Structure formats: C-alpha cells, structure tokens
N, C-alpha and C. Protein backbone atom coordinates (compact mmCIF):
# COMPACT_ATOMS: atom_id res chain seq x y z
N UNK A 1 -49.52 -6.84 -93.93
CA UNK A 1 -49.76 -7.62 -92.75
C UNK A 1 -51.24 -7.51 -92.38
N UNK A 2 -51.78 -8.56 -91.94
CA UNK A 2 -53.19 -8.61 -91.57
C UNK A 2 -53.40 -7.87 -90.25
N UNK A 3 -54.52 -7.20 -90.07
CA UNK A 3 -54.80 -6.41 -88.85
C UNK A 3 -54.90 -7.31 -87.63
N UNK A 4 -55.45 -8.49 -87.78
CA UNK A 4 -55.59 -9.42 -86.65
C UNK A 4 -54.21 -9.89 -86.19
N UNK A 5 -53.35 -10.19 -87.16
CA UNK A 5 -51.99 -10.62 -86.84
C UNK A 5 -51.23 -9.51 -86.14
N UNK A 6 -51.40 -8.29 -86.58
CA UNK A 6 -50.75 -7.13 -85.97
C UNK A 6 -51.25 -6.92 -84.54
N UNK A 7 -52.54 -7.09 -84.32
CA UNK A 7 -53.10 -6.94 -82.98
C UNK A 7 -52.57 -8.03 -82.04
N UNK A 8 -52.47 -9.25 -82.54
CA UNK A 8 -51.93 -10.34 -81.72
C UNK A 8 -50.46 -10.10 -81.39
N UNK A 9 -49.71 -9.65 -82.36
CA UNK A 9 -48.29 -9.35 -82.13
C UNK A 9 -48.14 -8.24 -81.08
N UNK A 10 -48.97 -7.22 -81.17
CA UNK A 10 -48.94 -6.13 -80.17
C UNK A 10 -49.29 -6.63 -78.78
N UNK A 11 -50.28 -7.52 -78.70
CA UNK A 11 -50.67 -8.08 -77.40
C UNK A 11 -49.56 -8.92 -76.80
N UNK A 12 -48.88 -9.71 -77.63
CA UNK A 12 -47.78 -10.54 -77.15
C UNK A 12 -46.63 -9.67 -76.65
N UNK A 13 -46.32 -8.63 -77.38
CA UNK A 13 -45.24 -7.72 -76.95
C UNK A 13 -45.62 -7.03 -75.64
N UNK A 14 -46.88 -6.60 -75.53
CA UNK A 14 -47.33 -5.94 -74.31
C UNK A 14 -47.23 -6.88 -73.11
N UNK A 15 -47.67 -8.13 -73.26
CA UNK A 15 -47.61 -9.10 -72.16
C UNK A 15 -46.16 -9.39 -71.80
N UNK A 16 -45.28 -9.48 -72.79
CA UNK A 16 -43.87 -9.75 -72.51
C UNK A 16 -43.25 -8.60 -71.72
N UNK A 17 -43.55 -7.38 -72.11
CA UNK A 17 -42.99 -6.22 -71.39
C UNK A 17 -43.56 -6.15 -69.97
N UNK A 18 -44.86 -6.37 -69.82
CA UNK A 18 -45.47 -6.34 -68.49
C UNK A 18 -44.92 -7.45 -67.60
N UNK A 19 -44.73 -8.63 -68.15
CA UNK A 19 -44.16 -9.74 -67.37
C UNK A 19 -42.74 -9.46 -66.94
N UNK A 20 -41.95 -8.89 -67.86
CA UNK A 20 -40.57 -8.56 -67.52
C UNK A 20 -40.53 -7.50 -66.42
N UNK A 21 -41.38 -6.50 -66.52
CA UNK A 21 -41.42 -5.45 -65.49
C UNK A 21 -41.83 -6.03 -64.14
N UNK A 22 -42.77 -6.96 -64.13
CA UNK A 22 -43.21 -7.58 -62.88
C UNK A 22 -42.08 -8.39 -62.25
N UNK A 23 -41.36 -9.16 -63.06
CA UNK A 23 -40.25 -9.97 -62.54
C UNK A 23 -39.15 -9.07 -61.99
N UNK A 24 -38.83 -8.00 -62.69
CA UNK A 24 -37.79 -7.08 -62.22
C UNK A 24 -38.20 -6.46 -60.89
N UNK A 25 -39.46 -6.06 -60.77
CA UNK A 25 -39.94 -5.44 -59.54
C UNK A 25 -39.93 -6.42 -58.37
N UNK A 26 -40.28 -7.67 -58.63
CA UNK A 26 -40.33 -8.67 -57.56
C UNK A 26 -38.94 -9.06 -57.08
N UNK A 27 -37.95 -9.01 -57.94
CA UNK A 27 -36.60 -9.41 -57.55
C UNK A 27 -35.78 -8.26 -56.99
N UNK A 28 -36.33 -7.06 -57.04
CA UNK A 28 -35.60 -5.90 -56.54
C UNK A 28 -35.53 -5.95 -55.02
N UNK A 29 -34.35 -5.68 -54.47
CA UNK A 29 -34.15 -5.68 -53.02
C UNK A 29 -34.27 -4.24 -52.53
N UNK A 30 -35.19 -4.05 -51.58
CA UNK A 30 -35.36 -2.71 -51.03
C UNK A 30 -34.59 -2.60 -49.72
N UNK A 31 -33.94 -1.48 -49.54
CA UNK A 31 -33.24 -1.25 -48.29
C UNK A 31 -34.22 -0.67 -47.28
N UNK A 32 -34.16 -1.18 -46.06
CA UNK A 32 -35.03 -0.70 -45.01
C UNK A 32 -34.58 0.70 -44.58
N UNK A 33 -35.51 1.62 -44.37
CA UNK A 33 -35.10 2.95 -43.93
C UNK A 33 -34.56 2.91 -42.51
N UNK A 34 -33.62 3.78 -42.25
CA UNK A 34 -33.03 3.83 -40.91
C UNK A 34 -34.06 4.39 -39.94
N UNK A 35 -34.23 3.74 -38.79
CA UNK A 35 -35.19 4.27 -37.82
C UNK A 35 -34.68 5.58 -37.24
N UNK A 36 -35.59 6.52 -37.12
CA UNK A 36 -35.20 7.80 -36.54
C UNK A 36 -35.22 7.68 -35.03
N UNK A 37 -34.25 8.29 -34.36
CA UNK A 37 -34.22 8.20 -32.90
C UNK A 37 -35.40 8.96 -32.30
N UNK A 38 -36.06 8.33 -31.35
CA UNK A 38 -37.21 8.96 -30.71
C UNK A 38 -36.73 10.02 -29.72
N UNK A 39 -35.70 9.72 -29.03
CA UNK A 39 -35.19 10.65 -28.03
C UNK A 39 -33.69 10.81 -28.25
N UNK A 40 -33.22 12.02 -28.18
CA UNK A 40 -31.79 12.24 -28.34
C UNK A 40 -31.07 11.89 -27.05
N UNK A 41 -29.84 11.45 -27.19
CA UNK A 41 -29.04 11.07 -26.03
C UNK A 41 -28.71 12.32 -25.22
N UNK A 42 -28.90 12.22 -23.93
CA UNK A 42 -28.57 13.34 -23.05
C UNK A 42 -29.63 14.43 -23.02
N UNK A 43 -30.81 14.15 -23.56
CA UNK A 43 -31.87 15.15 -23.55
C UNK A 43 -32.38 15.35 -22.13
N UNK A 44 -32.78 16.57 -21.83
CA UNK A 44 -33.29 16.88 -20.51
C UNK A 44 -34.60 16.14 -20.28
N UNK A 45 -34.77 15.59 -19.10
CA UNK A 45 -36.00 14.88 -18.77
C UNK A 45 -37.09 15.89 -18.46
N UNK A 46 -38.27 15.55 -18.87
CA UNK A 46 -39.43 16.41 -18.65
C UNK A 46 -40.14 15.93 -17.38
N UNK A 47 -40.14 16.74 -16.31
CA UNK A 47 -40.78 16.29 -15.07
C UNK A 47 -42.29 16.09 -15.24
N UNK A 48 -42.91 16.88 -16.11
CA UNK A 48 -44.34 16.71 -16.35
C UNK A 48 -44.61 15.33 -16.96
N UNK A 49 -43.75 14.92 -17.87
CA UNK A 49 -43.90 13.60 -18.51
C UNK A 49 -43.73 12.48 -17.49
N UNK A 50 -42.78 12.65 -16.57
CA UNK A 50 -42.58 11.63 -15.53
C UNK A 50 -43.81 11.51 -14.63
N UNK A 51 -44.41 12.63 -14.29
CA UNK A 51 -45.61 12.61 -13.46
C UNK A 51 -46.79 11.99 -14.22
N UNK A 52 -46.86 12.26 -15.52
CA UNK A 52 -47.92 11.64 -16.31
C UNK A 52 -47.78 10.12 -16.29
N UNK A 53 -46.56 9.64 -16.39
CA UNK A 53 -46.32 8.19 -16.33
C UNK A 53 -46.76 7.62 -14.99
N UNK A 54 -46.45 8.36 -13.90
CA UNK A 54 -46.83 7.90 -12.57
C UNK A 54 -48.35 7.80 -12.46
N UNK A 55 -49.04 8.82 -12.97
CA UNK A 55 -50.50 8.81 -12.93
C UNK A 55 -51.07 7.69 -13.80
N UNK A 56 -50.42 7.42 -14.91
CA UNK A 56 -50.87 6.34 -15.78
C UNK A 56 -50.78 5.00 -15.06
N UNK A 57 -49.73 4.83 -14.29
CA UNK A 57 -49.54 3.58 -13.58
C UNK A 57 -50.54 3.41 -12.44
N UNK A 58 -51.06 4.53 -11.92
CA UNK A 58 -52.06 4.45 -10.86
C UNK A 58 -53.38 3.89 -11.36
N UNK A 59 -53.64 4.08 -12.64
CA UNK A 59 -54.88 3.58 -13.21
C UNK A 59 -56.06 4.41 -12.78
N UNK A 60 -57.15 3.73 -12.41
CA UNK A 60 -58.38 4.44 -12.04
C UNK A 60 -58.22 5.24 -10.76
N UNK A 61 -57.31 4.86 -9.89
CA UNK A 61 -57.08 5.60 -8.65
C UNK A 61 -56.57 7.01 -8.93
N UNK A 62 -56.02 7.25 -10.11
CA UNK A 62 -55.49 8.57 -10.46
C UNK A 62 -56.60 9.61 -10.56
N UNK A 63 -57.83 9.17 -10.81
CA UNK A 63 -58.94 10.14 -10.91
C UNK A 63 -59.27 10.76 -9.57
N UNK A 64 -58.81 10.16 -8.48
CA UNK A 64 -59.04 10.70 -7.14
C UNK A 64 -57.79 11.35 -6.56
N UNK A 65 -56.68 11.28 -7.27
CA UNK A 65 -55.40 11.83 -6.79
C UNK A 65 -55.28 13.29 -7.19
N UNK A 66 -55.12 14.17 -6.19
CA UNK A 66 -55.05 15.61 -6.46
C UNK A 66 -53.84 15.97 -7.31
N UNK A 67 -52.72 15.29 -7.09
CA UNK A 67 -51.51 15.59 -7.87
C UNK A 67 -51.74 15.24 -9.35
N UNK A 68 -52.42 14.13 -9.60
CA UNK A 68 -52.68 13.74 -10.99
C UNK A 68 -53.64 14.71 -11.65
N UNK A 69 -54.64 15.17 -10.93
CA UNK A 69 -55.57 16.15 -11.49
C UNK A 69 -54.83 17.43 -11.87
N UNK A 70 -53.88 17.84 -11.04
CA UNK A 70 -53.08 19.03 -11.34
C UNK A 70 -52.19 18.80 -12.57
N UNK A 71 -51.58 17.62 -12.65
CA UNK A 71 -50.72 17.28 -13.79
C UNK A 71 -51.54 17.27 -15.08
N UNK A 72 -52.74 16.72 -15.04
CA UNK A 72 -53.58 16.68 -16.23
C UNK A 72 -53.99 18.08 -16.67
N UNK A 73 -54.23 18.96 -15.69
CA UNK A 73 -54.57 20.34 -16.03
C UNK A 73 -53.39 21.03 -16.71
N UNK A 74 -52.18 20.80 -16.18
CA UNK A 74 -50.98 21.38 -16.79
C UNK A 74 -50.77 20.83 -18.20
N UNK A 75 -50.99 19.54 -18.37
CA UNK A 75 -50.83 18.92 -19.68
C UNK A 75 -51.83 19.51 -20.68
N UNK A 76 -53.05 19.67 -20.23
CA UNK A 76 -54.10 20.25 -21.09
C UNK A 76 -53.73 21.67 -21.49
N UNK A 77 -53.24 22.47 -20.51
CA UNK A 77 -52.84 23.84 -20.82
C UNK A 77 -51.67 23.88 -21.80
N UNK A 78 -50.72 22.99 -21.63
CA UNK A 78 -49.57 22.94 -22.54
C UNK A 78 -50.03 22.58 -23.94
N UNK A 79 -50.92 21.59 -24.04
CA UNK A 79 -51.41 21.15 -25.34
C UNK A 79 -52.18 22.26 -26.04
N UNK A 80 -53.00 22.99 -25.30
CA UNK A 80 -53.82 24.04 -25.89
C UNK A 80 -53.05 25.34 -26.11
N UNK A 81 -51.82 25.39 -25.62
CA UNK A 81 -50.99 26.58 -25.84
C UNK A 81 -51.28 27.70 -24.85
N UNK A 82 -51.94 27.38 -23.76
CA UNK A 82 -52.19 28.40 -22.74
C UNK A 82 -50.93 28.60 -21.91
N UNK A 83 -50.63 29.84 -21.52
CA UNK A 83 -49.45 30.05 -20.68
C UNK A 83 -49.65 29.41 -19.31
N UNK A 84 -48.54 28.99 -18.72
CA UNK A 84 -48.61 28.38 -17.41
C UNK A 84 -49.02 29.42 -16.38
N UNK A 85 -49.94 29.08 -15.48
CA UNK A 85 -50.37 30.05 -14.48
C UNK A 85 -49.25 30.32 -13.49
N UNK A 86 -49.19 31.55 -12.99
CA UNK A 86 -48.16 31.90 -12.01
C UNK A 86 -48.51 31.25 -10.68
N UNK A 87 -47.53 30.68 -10.06
CA UNK A 87 -47.74 29.98 -8.80
C UNK A 87 -48.03 30.96 -7.66
N UNK A 88 -47.55 32.17 -7.76
CA UNK A 88 -47.69 33.13 -6.67
C UNK A 88 -49.05 33.79 -6.62
N UNK A 89 -49.86 33.73 -7.68
CA UNK A 89 -51.13 34.45 -7.71
C UNK A 89 -52.28 33.59 -7.41
C-alpha cells in the first residue's frame, strides 16, 4: 500500500470517528441537577439576619441609625469569629 493512500485512509477514519463522537455528544440528554434547598423547613429564624434586612431596607438612613450600627458591629464580630461581648459589662 502506498504511504499517501495509508495517510488519507487514516485521516478519513479519524474524521469519521470524531464526527460520530460529536453527534453522539450533541444528541445526549443531560439531566438537570436537583436544586439544593437554601433553607431547611422549620429552621430557627436568626434575629440578627432579620435586623440586617431591616437596615438594608433603610438604605442610606441606616448609617445614622444606632440600632443598625450595633447590628453591623455584631455581624462583623460574628464573621471574624470574635466572641459576643457580654451585655452586663
């Protein structure tokens, strides 16, 4: 067999296999993953989170609200892993 003919035959076989693989991949139906629940049913409400929402709704006025400033400080402490300060001291 001639080397050129062998190379052409190899190229044709390669293109046929690649084309078949592409068609199979395009016709494959993928199942959508199930969405994970963000919140479990009956979970305890976080009062800090509720106050954060209230401050968010206040918008720019929240920067002057003492309660919002306190909530933001508590949120920052929780995020940084600092223990909550004792209210009595």
